[in-house]
């Protein structure tokens, strides 16, 4: 029931577009803009082309907006999480601190299909690497997961140490805990940077796990 309420609320947030043309994605926008495409066939055999344009720079203002284009013209917009009604279903967009969680076409029957990233986008270039060099792509994905697991373990160790150091609290029941790994400020900064890089890489593949990616966000 909560999921249905959120879905209806997201649909109600959708505002009509102004008809402006879709701008081409430039190379310098790769880390600040995501662009995905969806092609659907009408009953009469005519093809309809949707595009979802997400500009991540709005995140500094406390929100991110997703824009839906229909056949190259601005059709609708909404704050994320966004649910755009389209032919035969909805296009659903969710973001994280590192990029997109999902950008899917969900049919009326509930089947999900990920939209196709624009070749010029960072997501499109990552998808191309996966097609051209699948072994290298799997290796990078595996390393990203390992980095996040290590980062999460280090975070939990530091939290446990801080909690049990408090003069009043759990220490009087379980004793104090000292982390076996003591990182300097420089070491913590390096760990933070590599975990952010790992989550960003996963976001380019629209991979998200609330514990791994949410833990570093």
N, C-alpha and C. Protein backbone atom coordinates (compact mmCIF):
# COMPACT_ATOMS: atom_id res chain seq x y z
N UNK A 1 0.83 -1.21 0.00
CA UNK A 1 0.00 0.00 0.00
C UNK A 1 0.87 1.27 0.00
N UNK A 2 1.96 1.24 0.79
CA UNK A 2 2.86 2.40 0.81
C UNK A 2 3.49 2.61 -0.55
N UNK A 3 3.87 1.52 -1.21
CA UNK A 3 4.47 1.62 -2.54
C UNK A 3 3.50 2.23 -3.54
N UNK A 4 2.23 1.83 -3.47
CA UNK A 4 1.20 2.37 -4.37
C UNK A 4 0.98 3.86 -4.10
N UNK A 5 1.00 4.24 -2.82
CA UNK A 5 0.81 5.67 -2.47
C UNK A 5 1.96 6.49 -3.03
N UNK A 6 3.19 6.00 -2.89
CA UNK A 6 4.34 6.72 -3.42
C UNK A 6 4.27 6.83 -4.93
N UNK A 7 3.78 5.77 -5.57
CA UNK A 7 3.64 5.77 -7.03
C UNK A 7 2.65 6.84 -7.47
N UNK A 8 1.50 6.88 -6.81
CA UNK A 8 0.47 7.89 -7.16
C UNK A 8 0.99 9.30 -6.89
N UNK A 9 1.71 9.47 -5.79
CA UNK A 9 2.24 10.79 -5.45
C UNK A 9 3.26 11.25 -6.49
N UNK A 10 4.09 10.31 -6.96
CA UNK A 10 5.07 10.66 -7.98
C UNK A 10 4.39 11.06 -9.29
N UNK A 11 3.32 10.36 -9.65
CA UNK A 11 2.58 10.70 -10.87
C UNK A 11 1.97 12.09 -10.76
N UNK A 12 1.48 12.43 -9.56
CA UNK A 12 0.86 13.73 -9.36
C UNK A 12 1.86 14.87 -9.43
N UNK A 13 3.16 14.57 -9.24
CA UNK A 13 4.20 15.61 -9.29
C UNK A 13 4.58 15.99 -10.72
N UNK A 14 4.14 15.21 -11.68
CA UNK A 14 4.54 15.46 -13.07
C UNK A 14 3.89 16.73 -13.58
N UNK A 15 4.69 17.59 -14.19
CA UNK A 15 4.21 18.84 -14.77
C UNK A 15 4.36 18.79 -16.29
N UNK A 16 3.46 19.44 -17.01
CA UNK A 16 3.57 19.42 -18.48
C UNK A 16 4.81 20.15 -18.97
N UNK A 17 5.33 19.70 -20.10
CA UNK A 17 6.51 20.32 -20.68
C UNK A 17 6.18 21.56 -21.48
N UNK A 18 7.23 22.24 -21.94
CA UNK A 18 7.03 23.49 -22.68
C UNK A 18 7.31 23.34 -24.19
N UNK A 19 7.60 22.10 -24.62
CA UNK A 19 7.78 21.87 -26.05
C UNK A 19 9.14 22.22 -26.61
N UNK A 20 10.08 22.61 -25.76
CA UNK A 20 11.41 22.96 -26.27
C UNK A 20 12.11 21.71 -26.82
N UNK A 21 13.03 21.91 -27.76
CA UNK A 21 13.72 20.75 -28.35
C UNK A 21 14.75 20.17 -27.40
N UNK A 22 15.02 18.89 -27.56
CA UNK A 22 16.03 18.21 -26.76
C UNK A 22 17.42 18.62 -27.24
N UNK A 23 18.24 19.10 -26.30
CA UNK A 23 19.59 19.52 -26.66
C UNK A 23 20.53 18.31 -26.70
N UNK A 24 21.45 18.36 -27.61
CA UNK A 24 22.45 17.31 -27.74
C UNK A 24 23.34 17.26 -26.50
N UNK A 25 23.69 16.06 -26.08
CA UNK A 25 24.55 15.91 -24.92
C UNK A 25 26.01 16.13 -25.33
N UNK A 26 26.69 17.03 -24.64
CA UNK A 26 28.08 17.35 -24.93
C UNK A 26 29.00 16.56 -24.02
N UNK A 27 30.26 16.39 -24.44
CA UNK A 27 31.18 15.54 -23.69
C UNK A 27 31.45 16.08 -22.29
N UNK A 28 31.44 17.42 -22.13
CA UNK A 28 31.73 17.98 -20.82
C UNK A 28 30.56 17.84 -19.84
N UNK A 29 29.42 17.33 -20.34
CA UNK A 29 28.26 17.12 -19.47
C UNK A 29 28.15 15.68 -18.97
N UNK A 30 29.13 14.85 -19.27
CA UNK A 30 29.02 13.43 -18.96
C UNK A 30 28.78 13.14 -17.48
N UNK A 31 29.40 13.92 -16.59
CA UNK A 31 29.28 13.67 -15.17
C UNK A 31 28.16 14.48 -14.51
N UNK A 32 27.52 15.35 -15.26
CA UNK A 32 26.45 16.18 -14.69
C UNK A 32 25.10 15.94 -15.34
N UNK A 33 25.07 15.10 -16.36
CA UNK A 33 23.82 14.90 -17.09
C UNK A 33 23.72 13.45 -17.57
N UNK A 34 22.54 12.86 -17.41
CA UNK A 34 22.28 11.51 -17.91
C UNK A 34 21.16 11.59 -18.94
N UNK A 35 21.31 10.83 -20.03
CA UNK A 35 20.32 10.86 -21.10
C UNK A 35 20.04 9.43 -21.55
N UNK A 36 18.77 9.05 -21.50
CA UNK A 36 18.34 7.70 -21.87
C UNK A 36 17.22 7.78 -22.90
N UNK A 37 17.10 6.72 -23.71
CA UNK A 37 16.11 6.70 -24.79
C UNK A 37 15.23 5.45 -24.71
N UNK A 38 14.01 5.61 -25.20
CA UNK A 38 13.04 4.51 -25.26
C UNK A 38 12.26 4.62 -26.56
N UNK A 39 12.23 3.53 -27.32
CA UNK A 39 11.47 3.49 -28.57
C UNK A 39 10.31 2.52 -28.42
N UNK A 40 9.11 3.01 -28.71
CA UNK A 40 7.91 2.19 -28.61
C UNK A 40 7.15 2.22 -29.94
N UNK A 41 6.50 1.13 -30.26
CA UNK A 41 5.70 1.04 -31.48
C UNK A 41 4.23 1.27 -31.17
N UNK A 42 3.60 2.14 -31.92
CA UNK A 42 2.17 2.36 -31.79
C UNK A 42 1.39 1.24 -32.47
N UNK A 43 0.10 1.21 -32.22
CA UNK A 43 -0.75 0.19 -32.85
C UNK A 43 -0.76 0.30 -34.37
N UNK A 44 -0.55 1.52 -34.88
CA UNK A 44 -0.55 1.72 -36.32
C UNK A 44 0.82 1.47 -36.95
N UNK A 45 1.78 1.00 -36.15
CA UNK A 45 3.11 0.71 -36.66
C UNK A 45 4.07 1.88 -36.63
N UNK A 46 3.60 3.03 -36.19
CA UNK A 46 4.48 4.20 -36.12
C UNK A 46 5.31 4.15 -34.84
N UNK A 47 6.55 4.57 -34.94
CA UNK A 47 7.46 4.52 -33.80
C UNK A 47 7.41 5.82 -33.00
N UNK A 48 7.32 5.69 -31.69
CA UNK A 48 7.36 6.84 -30.79
C UNK A 48 8.67 6.79 -30.01
N UNK A 49 9.36 7.92 -29.95
CA UNK A 49 10.65 7.97 -29.29
C UNK A 49 10.56 8.86 -28.06
N UNK A 50 10.85 8.28 -26.90
CA UNK A 50 10.92 9.03 -25.65
C UNK A 50 12.38 9.19 -25.25
N UNK A 51 12.66 10.26 -24.53
CA UNK A 51 14.00 10.47 -23.97
C UNK A 51 13.85 11.01 -22.56
N UNK A 52 14.69 10.51 -21.67
CA UNK A 52 14.71 10.99 -20.28
C UNK A 52 16.03 11.70 -20.05
N UNK A 53 15.95 12.97 -19.67
CA UNK A 53 17.12 13.82 -19.46
C UNK A 53 17.17 14.20 -17.98
N UNK A 54 18.26 13.82 -17.31
CA UNK A 54 18.41 14.10 -15.88
C UNK A 54 19.67 14.93 -15.68
N UNK A 55 19.52 16.09 -15.06
CA UNK A 55 20.66 16.97 -14.78
C UNK A 55 20.98 16.89 -13.29
N UNK A 56 22.14 16.30 -12.98
CA UNK A 56 22.50 16.04 -11.59
C UNK A 56 22.90 17.29 -10.83
N UNK A 57 23.20 18.38 -11.52
CA UNK A 57 23.66 19.57 -10.81
C UNK A 57 22.58 20.16 -9.92
N UNK A 58 21.32 19.84 -10.15
CA UNK A 58 20.25 20.32 -9.27
C UNK A 58 20.36 19.73 -7.87
N UNK A 59 21.17 18.68 -7.70
CA UNK A 59 21.30 18.00 -6.42
C UNK A 59 21.78 18.95 -5.34
N UNK A 60 22.61 19.94 -5.70
CA UNK A 60 23.11 20.90 -4.72
C UNK A 60 21.99 21.77 -4.16
N UNK A 61 20.87 21.84 -4.88
CA UNK A 61 19.73 22.63 -4.43
C UNK A 61 18.73 21.78 -3.63
N UNK A 62 19.09 20.52 -3.39
CA UNK A 62 18.23 19.66 -2.59
C UNK A 62 17.29 18.80 -3.39
N UNK A 63 17.37 18.86 -4.70
CA UNK A 63 16.48 18.04 -5.52
C UNK A 63 17.14 17.81 -6.89
N UNK A 64 16.63 16.80 -7.60
CA UNK A 64 17.05 16.52 -8.97
C UNK A 64 15.79 16.44 -9.81
N UNK A 65 15.82 17.03 -11.00
CA UNK A 65 14.67 16.99 -11.90
C UNK A 65 14.94 16.06 -13.07
N UNK A 66 13.92 15.33 -13.45
CA UNK A 66 13.97 14.51 -14.65
C UNK A 66 13.03 15.12 -15.69
N UNK A 67 13.48 15.15 -16.93
CA UNK A 67 12.68 15.72 -18.01
C UNK A 67 12.39 14.64 -19.04
N UNK A 68 11.14 14.57 -19.46
CA UNK A 68 10.72 13.59 -20.46
C UNK A 68 10.48 14.29 -21.79
N UNK A 69 11.10 13.77 -22.84
CA UNK A 69 10.92 14.32 -24.19
C UNK A 69 10.19 13.29 -25.05
N UNK A 70 9.29 13.78 -25.87
CA UNK A 70 8.53 12.94 -26.79
C UNK A 70 8.82 13.39 -28.21
N UNK A 71 9.43 12.49 -28.97
CA UNK A 71 9.83 12.79 -30.35
C UNK A 71 10.64 14.08 -30.43
N UNK A 72 11.56 14.24 -29.48
CA UNK A 72 12.48 15.36 -29.51
C UNK A 72 11.97 16.64 -28.89
N UNK A 73 10.77 16.63 -28.32
CA UNK A 73 10.20 17.84 -27.72
C UNK A 73 9.89 17.61 -26.24
N UNK A 74 10.11 18.67 -25.44
CA UNK A 74 9.90 18.57 -24.00
C UNK A 74 8.44 18.29 -23.70
N UNK A 75 8.19 17.12 -23.10
CA UNK A 75 6.82 16.65 -22.90
C UNK A 75 6.36 16.79 -21.45
N UNK A 76 7.27 16.54 -20.49
CA UNK A 76 6.89 16.61 -19.07
C UNK A 76 8.16 16.71 -18.23
N UNK A 77 7.98 17.10 -16.96
CA UNK A 77 9.10 17.16 -16.03
C UNK A 77 8.61 16.84 -14.64
N UNK A 78 9.53 16.38 -13.79
CA UNK A 78 9.16 16.04 -12.43
C UNK A 78 10.42 15.94 -11.58
N UNK A 79 10.28 16.24 -10.28
CA UNK A 79 11.36 15.93 -9.35
C UNK A 79 11.43 14.42 -9.19
N UNK A 80 12.64 13.93 -8.93
CA UNK A 80 12.79 12.50 -8.72
C UNK A 80 12.59 12.17 -7.23
N UNK A 81 12.08 10.96 -6.95
CA UNK A 81 11.73 9.90 -7.90
C UNK A 81 10.56 10.31 -8.78
N UNK A 82 10.71 10.05 -10.09
CA UNK A 82 9.72 10.47 -11.07
C UNK A 82 9.03 9.27 -11.69
N UNK A 83 7.75 9.43 -11.95
CA UNK A 83 6.97 8.40 -12.64
C UNK A 83 6.20 9.10 -13.76
N UNK A 84 6.63 8.88 -15.01
CA UNK A 84 5.99 9.52 -16.16
C UNK A 84 5.04 8.54 -16.86
N UNK A 85 3.77 8.88 -16.96
CA UNK A 85 2.87 8.04 -17.75
C UNK A 85 3.24 8.14 -19.24
N UNK A 86 3.43 6.99 -19.87
CA UNK A 86 3.74 6.94 -21.30
C UNK A 86 2.87 5.85 -21.92
N UNK A 87 3.03 5.68 -23.20
CA UNK A 87 2.26 4.68 -23.93
C UNK A 87 2.51 3.28 -23.36
N UNK A 88 1.45 2.64 -22.90
CA UNK A 88 1.54 1.26 -22.43
C UNK A 88 2.13 1.06 -21.06
N UNK A 89 2.39 2.13 -20.31
CA UNK A 89 2.96 1.97 -18.98
C UNK A 89 3.51 3.27 -18.43
N UNK A 90 4.62 3.18 -17.73
CA UNK A 90 5.25 4.36 -17.14
C UNK A 90 6.76 4.27 -17.30
N UNK A 91 7.40 5.44 -17.29
CA UNK A 91 8.86 5.51 -17.20
C UNK A 91 9.19 5.99 -15.80
N UNK A 92 9.97 5.20 -15.07
CA UNK A 92 10.27 5.49 -13.67
C UNK A 92 11.76 5.79 -13.50
N UNK A 93 12.04 6.88 -12.81
CA UNK A 93 13.42 7.36 -12.64
C UNK A 93 13.70 7.57 -11.17
N UNK A 94 14.79 6.99 -10.68
CA UNK A 94 15.25 7.21 -9.31
C UNK A 94 16.74 7.49 -9.31
N UNK A 95 17.17 8.35 -8.40
CA UNK A 95 18.58 8.72 -8.33
C UNK A 95 19.14 8.45 -6.95
N UNK A 96 20.47 8.42 -6.88
CA UNK A 96 21.19 8.33 -5.62
C UNK A 96 22.17 9.50 -5.56
N UNK A 97 23.04 9.49 -4.57
CA UNK A 97 24.04 10.55 -4.46
C UNK A 97 25.10 10.47 -5.54
N UNK A 98 25.14 9.35 -6.27
CA UNK A 98 26.21 9.11 -7.23
C UNK A 98 25.73 9.05 -8.68
N UNK A 99 24.44 9.16 -8.91
CA UNK A 99 23.91 9.05 -10.27
C UNK A 99 22.50 8.47 -10.25
N UNK A 100 22.24 7.59 -11.20
CA UNK A 100 20.92 6.98 -11.29
C UNK A 100 20.87 5.63 -10.59
N UNK A 101 19.78 5.42 -9.84
CA UNK A 101 19.49 4.09 -9.32
C UNK A 101 18.81 3.25 -10.40
N UNK A 102 17.86 3.88 -11.09
CA UNK A 102 17.12 3.16 -12.12
C UNK A 102 16.50 4.15 -13.10
N UNK A 103 16.31 3.67 -14.31
CA UNK A 103 15.61 4.43 -15.36
C UNK A 103 14.95 3.38 -16.24
N UNK A 104 13.73 3.00 -15.89
CA UNK A 104 13.08 1.85 -16.49
C UNK A 104 11.71 2.21 -17.09
N UNK A 105 11.38 1.44 -18.11
CA UNK A 105 10.02 1.46 -18.65
C UNK A 105 9.28 0.29 -18.02
N UNK A 106 8.20 0.59 -17.32
CA UNK A 106 7.41 -0.44 -16.63
C UNK A 106 6.07 -0.55 -17.34
N UNK A 107 5.80 -1.71 -17.92
CA UNK A 107 4.57 -1.92 -18.65
C UNK A 107 3.39 -2.02 -17.70
N UNK A 108 2.19 -1.97 -18.25
CA UNK A 108 0.98 -2.09 -17.45
C UNK A 108 0.91 -3.44 -16.74
N UNK A 109 1.60 -4.45 -17.32
CA UNK A 109 1.63 -5.78 -16.71
C UNK A 109 2.70 -5.90 -15.63
N UNK A 110 3.54 -4.87 -15.48
CA UNK A 110 4.56 -4.89 -14.45
C UNK A 110 5.94 -5.30 -14.91
N UNK A 111 6.12 -5.57 -16.21
CA UNK A 111 7.43 -5.94 -16.74
C UNK A 111 8.31 -4.70 -16.85
N UNK A 112 9.57 -4.83 -16.42
CA UNK A 112 10.50 -3.69 -16.45
C UNK A 112 11.53 -3.85 -17.56
N UNK A 113 11.81 -2.75 -18.24
CA UNK A 113 12.83 -2.71 -19.29
C UNK A 113 13.69 -1.46 -19.06
N UNK A 114 14.99 -1.65 -18.91
CA UNK A 114 15.87 -0.49 -18.72
C UNK A 114 15.97 0.30 -20.02
N UNK A 115 15.91 1.62 -19.91
CA UNK A 115 16.07 2.47 -21.09
C UNK A 115 17.50 2.40 -21.59
N UNK A 116 17.70 2.76 -22.85
CA UNK A 116 19.01 2.69 -23.49
C UNK A 116 19.76 4.01 -23.26
N UNK A 117 20.96 3.95 -22.68
CA UNK A 117 21.71 5.20 -22.46
C UNK A 117 22.20 5.79 -23.77
N UNK A 118 22.22 7.12 -23.84
CA UNK A 118 22.75 7.80 -25.00
C UNK A 118 24.24 7.46 -25.16
N UNK A 119 24.69 7.18 -26.38
CA UNK A 119 26.10 6.79 -26.57
C UNK A 119 27.09 7.83 -26.08
N UNK A 120 26.71 9.12 -26.08
CA UNK A 120 27.63 10.18 -25.66
C UNK A 120 27.66 10.38 -24.15
N UNK A 121 26.74 9.74 -23.41
CA UNK A 121 26.68 9.90 -21.97
C UNK A 121 27.71 9.00 -21.29
N UNK A 122 27.99 9.27 -20.01
CA UNK A 122 28.91 8.41 -19.26
C UNK A 122 28.33 7.01 -19.15
N UNK A 123 27.00 6.91 -18.96
CA UNK A 123 26.36 5.60 -18.88
C UNK A 123 26.47 4.86 -20.22
N UNK A 124 26.35 5.59 -21.32
CA UNK A 124 26.47 4.98 -22.64
C UNK A 124 27.88 4.49 -22.91
N UNK A 125 28.87 5.25 -22.49
CA UNK A 125 30.27 4.84 -22.69
C UNK A 125 30.60 3.62 -21.82
N UNK A 126 30.02 3.59 -20.62
CA UNK A 126 30.25 2.41 -19.76
C UNK A 126 29.57 1.18 -20.36
N UNK A 127 28.39 1.36 -20.95
CA UNK A 127 27.70 0.24 -21.60
C UNK A 127 28.49 -0.25 -22.81
N UNK A 128 29.11 0.67 -23.53
CA UNK A 128 29.93 0.28 -24.68
C UNK A 128 31.14 -0.53 -24.24
N UNK A 129 31.76 -0.14 -23.14
CA UNK A 129 32.88 -0.91 -22.60
C UNK A 129 32.43 -2.33 -22.27
N UNK A 130 31.22 -2.46 -21.74
CA UNK A 130 30.70 -3.78 -21.39
C UNK A 130 30.49 -4.64 -22.63
N UNK A 131 30.07 -4.01 -23.74
CA UNK A 131 29.85 -4.76 -24.98
C UNK A 131 31.16 -5.13 -25.66
N UNK A 132 32.10 -4.19 -25.68
CA UNK A 132 33.35 -4.39 -26.43
C UNK A 132 34.36 -5.22 -25.63
N UNK A 133 34.43 -4.98 -24.33
CA UNK A 133 35.39 -5.68 -23.47
C UNK A 133 34.66 -6.26 -22.26
N UNK A 134 33.87 -7.30 -22.44
CA UNK A 134 33.06 -7.84 -21.33
C UNK A 134 33.89 -8.35 -20.16
N UNK A 135 35.04 -8.96 -20.42
CA UNK A 135 35.87 -9.47 -19.33
C UNK A 135 36.41 -8.33 -18.47
N UNK A 136 36.91 -7.27 -19.13
CA UNK A 136 37.40 -6.10 -18.40
C UNK A 136 36.27 -5.44 -17.63
N UNK A 137 35.09 -5.39 -18.25
CA UNK A 137 33.93 -4.78 -17.59
C UNK A 137 33.56 -5.54 -16.32
N UNK A 138 33.56 -6.86 -16.39
CA UNK A 138 33.23 -7.67 -15.21
C UNK A 138 34.28 -7.47 -14.12
N UNK A 139 35.54 -7.36 -14.53
CA UNK A 139 36.61 -7.14 -13.56
C UNK A 139 36.44 -5.81 -12.83
N UNK A 140 36.12 -4.76 -13.58
CA UNK A 140 35.91 -3.44 -12.98
C UNK A 140 34.72 -3.48 -12.02
N UNK A 141 33.64 -4.13 -12.45
CA UNK A 141 32.47 -4.24 -11.59
C UNK A 141 32.76 -5.01 -10.31
N UNK A 142 33.54 -6.07 -10.43
CA UNK A 142 33.91 -6.85 -9.24
C UNK A 142 34.76 -6.02 -8.29
N UNK A 143 35.73 -5.28 -8.82
CA UNK A 143 36.58 -4.44 -7.98
C UNK A 143 35.76 -3.36 -7.26
N UNK A 144 34.77 -2.80 -7.97
CA UNK A 144 33.91 -1.79 -7.34
C UNK A 144 33.18 -2.36 -6.14
N UNK A 145 32.67 -3.58 -6.29
CA UNK A 145 31.95 -4.23 -5.18
C UNK A 145 32.90 -4.51 -4.01
N UNK A 146 34.11 -4.99 -4.31
CA UNK A 146 35.08 -5.28 -3.25
C UNK A 146 35.45 -4.01 -2.50
N UNK A 147 35.67 -2.92 -3.24
CA UNK A 147 36.02 -1.64 -2.60
C UNK A 147 34.92 -1.20 -1.65
N UNK A 148 33.67 -1.35 -2.06
CA UNK A 148 32.56 -0.92 -1.22
C UNK A 148 32.40 -1.81 0.01
N UNK A 149 32.65 -3.11 -0.14
CA UNK A 149 32.59 -4.01 1.01
C UNK A 149 33.67 -3.64 2.03
N UNK A 150 34.89 -3.38 1.54
CA UNK A 150 35.98 -2.98 2.44
C UNK A 150 35.65 -1.64 3.12
N UNK A 151 35.13 -0.69 2.34
CA UNK A 151 34.76 0.61 2.92
C UNK A 151 33.69 0.47 3.98
N UNK A 152 32.70 -0.42 3.74
CA UNK A 152 31.63 -0.63 4.71
C UNK A 152 32.17 -1.26 5.99
N UNK A 153 33.06 -2.24 5.86
CA UNK A 153 33.65 -2.88 7.04
C UNK A 153 34.43 -1.87 7.87
N UNK A 154 35.24 -1.03 7.21
CA UNK A 154 36.01 -0.01 7.93
C UNK A 154 35.09 0.97 8.64
N UNK A 155 34.00 1.33 7.98
CA UNK A 155 33.04 2.26 8.58
C UNK A 155 32.41 1.65 9.82
N UNK A 156 32.02 0.38 9.75
CA UNK A 156 31.40 -0.28 10.89
C UNK A 156 32.37 -0.42 12.06
N UNK A 157 33.64 -0.70 11.75
CA UNK A 157 34.64 -0.80 12.81
C UNK A 157 34.83 0.54 13.52
N UNK A 158 34.88 1.62 12.75
CA UNK A 158 35.06 2.94 13.35
C UNK A 158 33.83 3.35 14.16
N UNK A 159 32.65 3.02 13.66
CA UNK A 159 31.43 3.35 14.40
C UNK A 159 31.37 2.57 15.72
N UNK A 160 31.72 1.30 15.67
CA UNK A 160 31.71 0.49 16.88
C UNK A 160 32.67 1.05 17.93
N UNK A 161 33.84 1.49 17.48
CA UNK A 161 34.81 2.06 18.40
C UNK A 161 34.29 3.35 19.01
N UNK A 162 33.69 4.22 18.20
CA UNK A 162 33.18 5.49 18.71
C UNK A 162 32.04 5.28 19.70
N UNK A 163 31.16 4.34 19.39
CA UNK A 163 30.00 4.10 20.27
C UNK A 163 30.45 3.57 21.62
N UNK A 164 31.40 2.64 21.64
CA UNK A 164 31.82 2.04 22.92
C UNK A 164 32.77 2.93 23.70
N UNK A 165 33.25 4.02 23.09
CA UNK A 165 34.11 4.95 23.83
C UNK A 165 33.30 5.92 24.67
N UNK A 166 32.01 6.03 24.40
CA UNK A 166 31.16 6.96 25.15
C UNK A 166 31.17 6.59 26.63
N UNK A 167 31.28 7.58 27.53
CA UNK A 167 31.34 7.26 28.97
C UNK A 167 30.09 6.56 29.48
N UNK A 168 28.96 6.87 28.90
CA UNK A 168 27.72 6.20 29.29
C UNK A 168 27.08 5.63 28.03
N UNK A 169 26.65 4.43 28.12
CA UNK A 169 26.04 3.80 26.95
C UNK A 169 26.32 2.31 26.93
N UNK A 170 26.57 1.78 25.73
CA UNK A 170 26.72 0.34 25.58
C UNK A 170 28.02 -0.17 26.20
N UNK A 171 29.02 0.72 26.42
CA UNK A 171 30.31 0.27 26.95
C UNK A 171 30.16 -0.41 28.31
N UNK A 172 29.22 0.06 29.13
CA UNK A 172 29.06 -0.51 30.46
C UNK A 172 28.45 -1.91 30.41
N UNK A 173 27.94 -2.28 29.25
CA UNK A 173 27.35 -3.61 29.11
C UNK A 173 28.24 -4.56 28.30
N UNK A 174 28.88 -4.05 27.27
CA UNK A 174 29.67 -4.93 26.38
C UNK A 174 31.16 -4.62 26.43
N UNK A 175 31.55 -3.57 27.16
CA UNK A 175 32.95 -3.20 27.21
C UNK A 175 33.33 -2.32 26.03
N UNK A 176 34.57 -1.86 26.03
CA UNK A 176 35.02 -1.00 24.94
C UNK A 176 35.57 -1.85 23.80
N UNK A 177 35.50 -1.27 22.63
CA UNK A 177 36.01 -1.95 21.42
C UNK A 177 37.04 -1.04 20.76
N UNK A 178 38.17 -1.64 20.40
CA UNK A 178 39.21 -0.91 19.68
C UNK A 178 39.36 -1.51 18.30
N UNK A 179 39.20 -0.68 17.29
CA UNK A 179 39.30 -1.17 15.91
C UNK A 179 40.70 -1.70 15.64
N UNK A 180 40.83 -2.87 15.02
CA UNK A 180 42.15 -3.39 14.68
C UNK A 180 42.83 -2.61 13.57
N UNK A 181 42.07 -1.76 12.90
CA UNK A 181 42.62 -0.96 11.80
C UNK A 181 42.48 0.51 12.18
N UNK A 182 43.59 1.18 12.33
CA UNK A 182 43.59 2.59 12.72
C UNK A 182 44.11 3.42 11.55
N UNK A 183 43.21 4.06 10.84
CA UNK A 183 43.59 4.86 9.68
C UNK A 183 43.83 6.31 10.08
N UNK A 184 44.81 6.90 9.45
CA UNK A 184 45.06 8.33 9.65
C UNK A 184 43.99 9.13 8.90
N UNK A 185 44.00 10.44 9.10
CA UNK A 185 43.06 11.30 8.38
C UNK A 185 43.27 11.18 6.87
N UNK A 186 44.54 11.08 6.47
CA UNK A 186 44.85 10.91 5.05
C UNK A 186 44.32 9.58 4.53
N UNK A 187 44.46 8.53 5.34
CA UNK A 187 43.97 7.22 4.93
C UNK A 187 42.45 7.20 4.79
N UNK A 188 41.77 7.86 5.73
CA UNK A 188 40.30 7.94 5.64
C UNK A 188 39.87 8.70 4.40
N UNK A 189 40.64 9.74 4.06
CA UNK A 189 40.30 10.52 2.86
C UNK A 189 40.45 9.66 1.60
N UNK A 190 41.50 8.86 1.55
CA UNK A 190 41.72 7.99 0.39
C UNK A 190 40.61 6.96 0.29
N UNK A 191 40.25 6.35 1.42
CA UNK A 191 39.16 5.37 1.42
C UNK A 191 37.87 6.01 0.96
N UNK A 192 37.61 7.23 1.43
CA UNK A 192 36.40 7.93 1.01
C UNK A 192 36.37 8.18 -0.49
N UNK A 193 37.50 8.57 -1.05
CA UNK A 193 37.56 8.86 -2.49
C UNK A 193 37.35 7.60 -3.33
N UNK A 194 37.98 6.50 -2.93
CA UNK A 194 37.85 5.29 -3.75
C UNK A 194 36.45 4.68 -3.62
N UNK A 195 35.82 4.81 -2.46
CA UNK A 195 34.46 4.30 -2.33
C UNK A 195 33.47 5.14 -3.13
N UNK A 196 33.69 6.44 -3.17
CA UNK A 196 32.84 7.29 -4.01
C UNK A 196 33.01 6.93 -5.48
N UNK A 197 34.27 6.70 -5.89
CA UNK A 197 34.54 6.29 -7.27
C UNK A 197 33.86 4.96 -7.59
N UNK A 198 33.90 4.03 -6.65
CA UNK A 198 33.28 2.72 -6.86
C UNK A 198 31.77 2.84 -7.00
N UNK A 199 31.14 3.64 -6.14
CA UNK A 199 29.69 3.81 -6.23
C UNK A 199 29.30 4.56 -7.50
N UNK A 200 30.15 5.49 -7.93
CA UNK A 200 29.87 6.20 -9.19
C UNK A 200 29.94 5.24 -10.36
N UNK A 201 30.92 4.35 -10.35
CA UNK A 201 31.03 3.35 -11.41
C UNK A 201 29.80 2.46 -11.44
N UNK A 202 29.31 2.06 -10.29
CA UNK A 202 28.11 1.21 -10.23
C UNK A 202 26.88 1.98 -10.70
N UNK A 203 26.82 3.27 -10.39
CA UNK A 203 25.70 4.09 -10.83
C UNK A 203 25.66 4.20 -12.35
N UNK A 204 26.83 4.19 -13.00
CA UNK A 204 26.88 4.24 -14.46
C UNK A 204 26.25 2.99 -15.08
N UNK A 205 26.22 1.90 -14.31
CA UNK A 205 25.58 0.67 -14.77
C UNK A 205 24.19 0.50 -14.18
N UNK A 206 23.72 1.54 -13.47
CA UNK A 206 22.43 1.52 -12.79
C UNK A 206 22.35 0.36 -11.82
N UNK A 207 23.43 0.19 -11.05
CA UNK A 207 23.48 -0.80 -9.99
C UNK A 207 23.43 -0.05 -8.67
N UNK A 208 22.56 -0.51 -7.77
CA UNK A 208 22.45 0.16 -6.48
C UNK A 208 22.06 -0.86 -5.42
N UNK A 209 22.77 -0.80 -4.30
CA UNK A 209 22.45 -1.62 -3.14
C UNK A 209 22.37 -0.70 -1.93
N UNK A 210 21.28 -0.75 -1.20
CA UNK A 210 21.06 0.20 -0.11
C UNK A 210 22.16 0.11 0.95
N UNK A 211 22.74 -1.08 1.13
CA UNK A 211 23.77 -1.23 2.16
C UNK A 211 25.13 -0.78 1.64
N UNK A 212 25.53 -1.24 0.45
CA UNK A 212 26.85 -0.89 -0.07
C UNK A 212 26.91 0.56 -0.54
N UNK A 213 26.04 0.93 -1.48
CA UNK A 213 26.08 2.28 -2.06
C UNK A 213 25.49 3.30 -1.10
N UNK A 214 24.46 2.90 -0.36
CA UNK A 214 23.86 3.83 0.61
C UNK A 214 24.77 4.06 1.80
N UNK A 215 25.58 3.05 2.13
CA UNK A 215 26.47 3.19 3.28
C UNK A 215 27.53 4.24 3.10
N UNK A 216 28.01 4.42 1.83
CA UNK A 216 29.04 5.43 1.59
C UNK A 216 28.43 6.76 1.19
N UNK A 217 27.10 6.78 0.98
CA UNK A 217 26.46 8.03 0.57
C UNK A 217 25.96 8.81 1.73
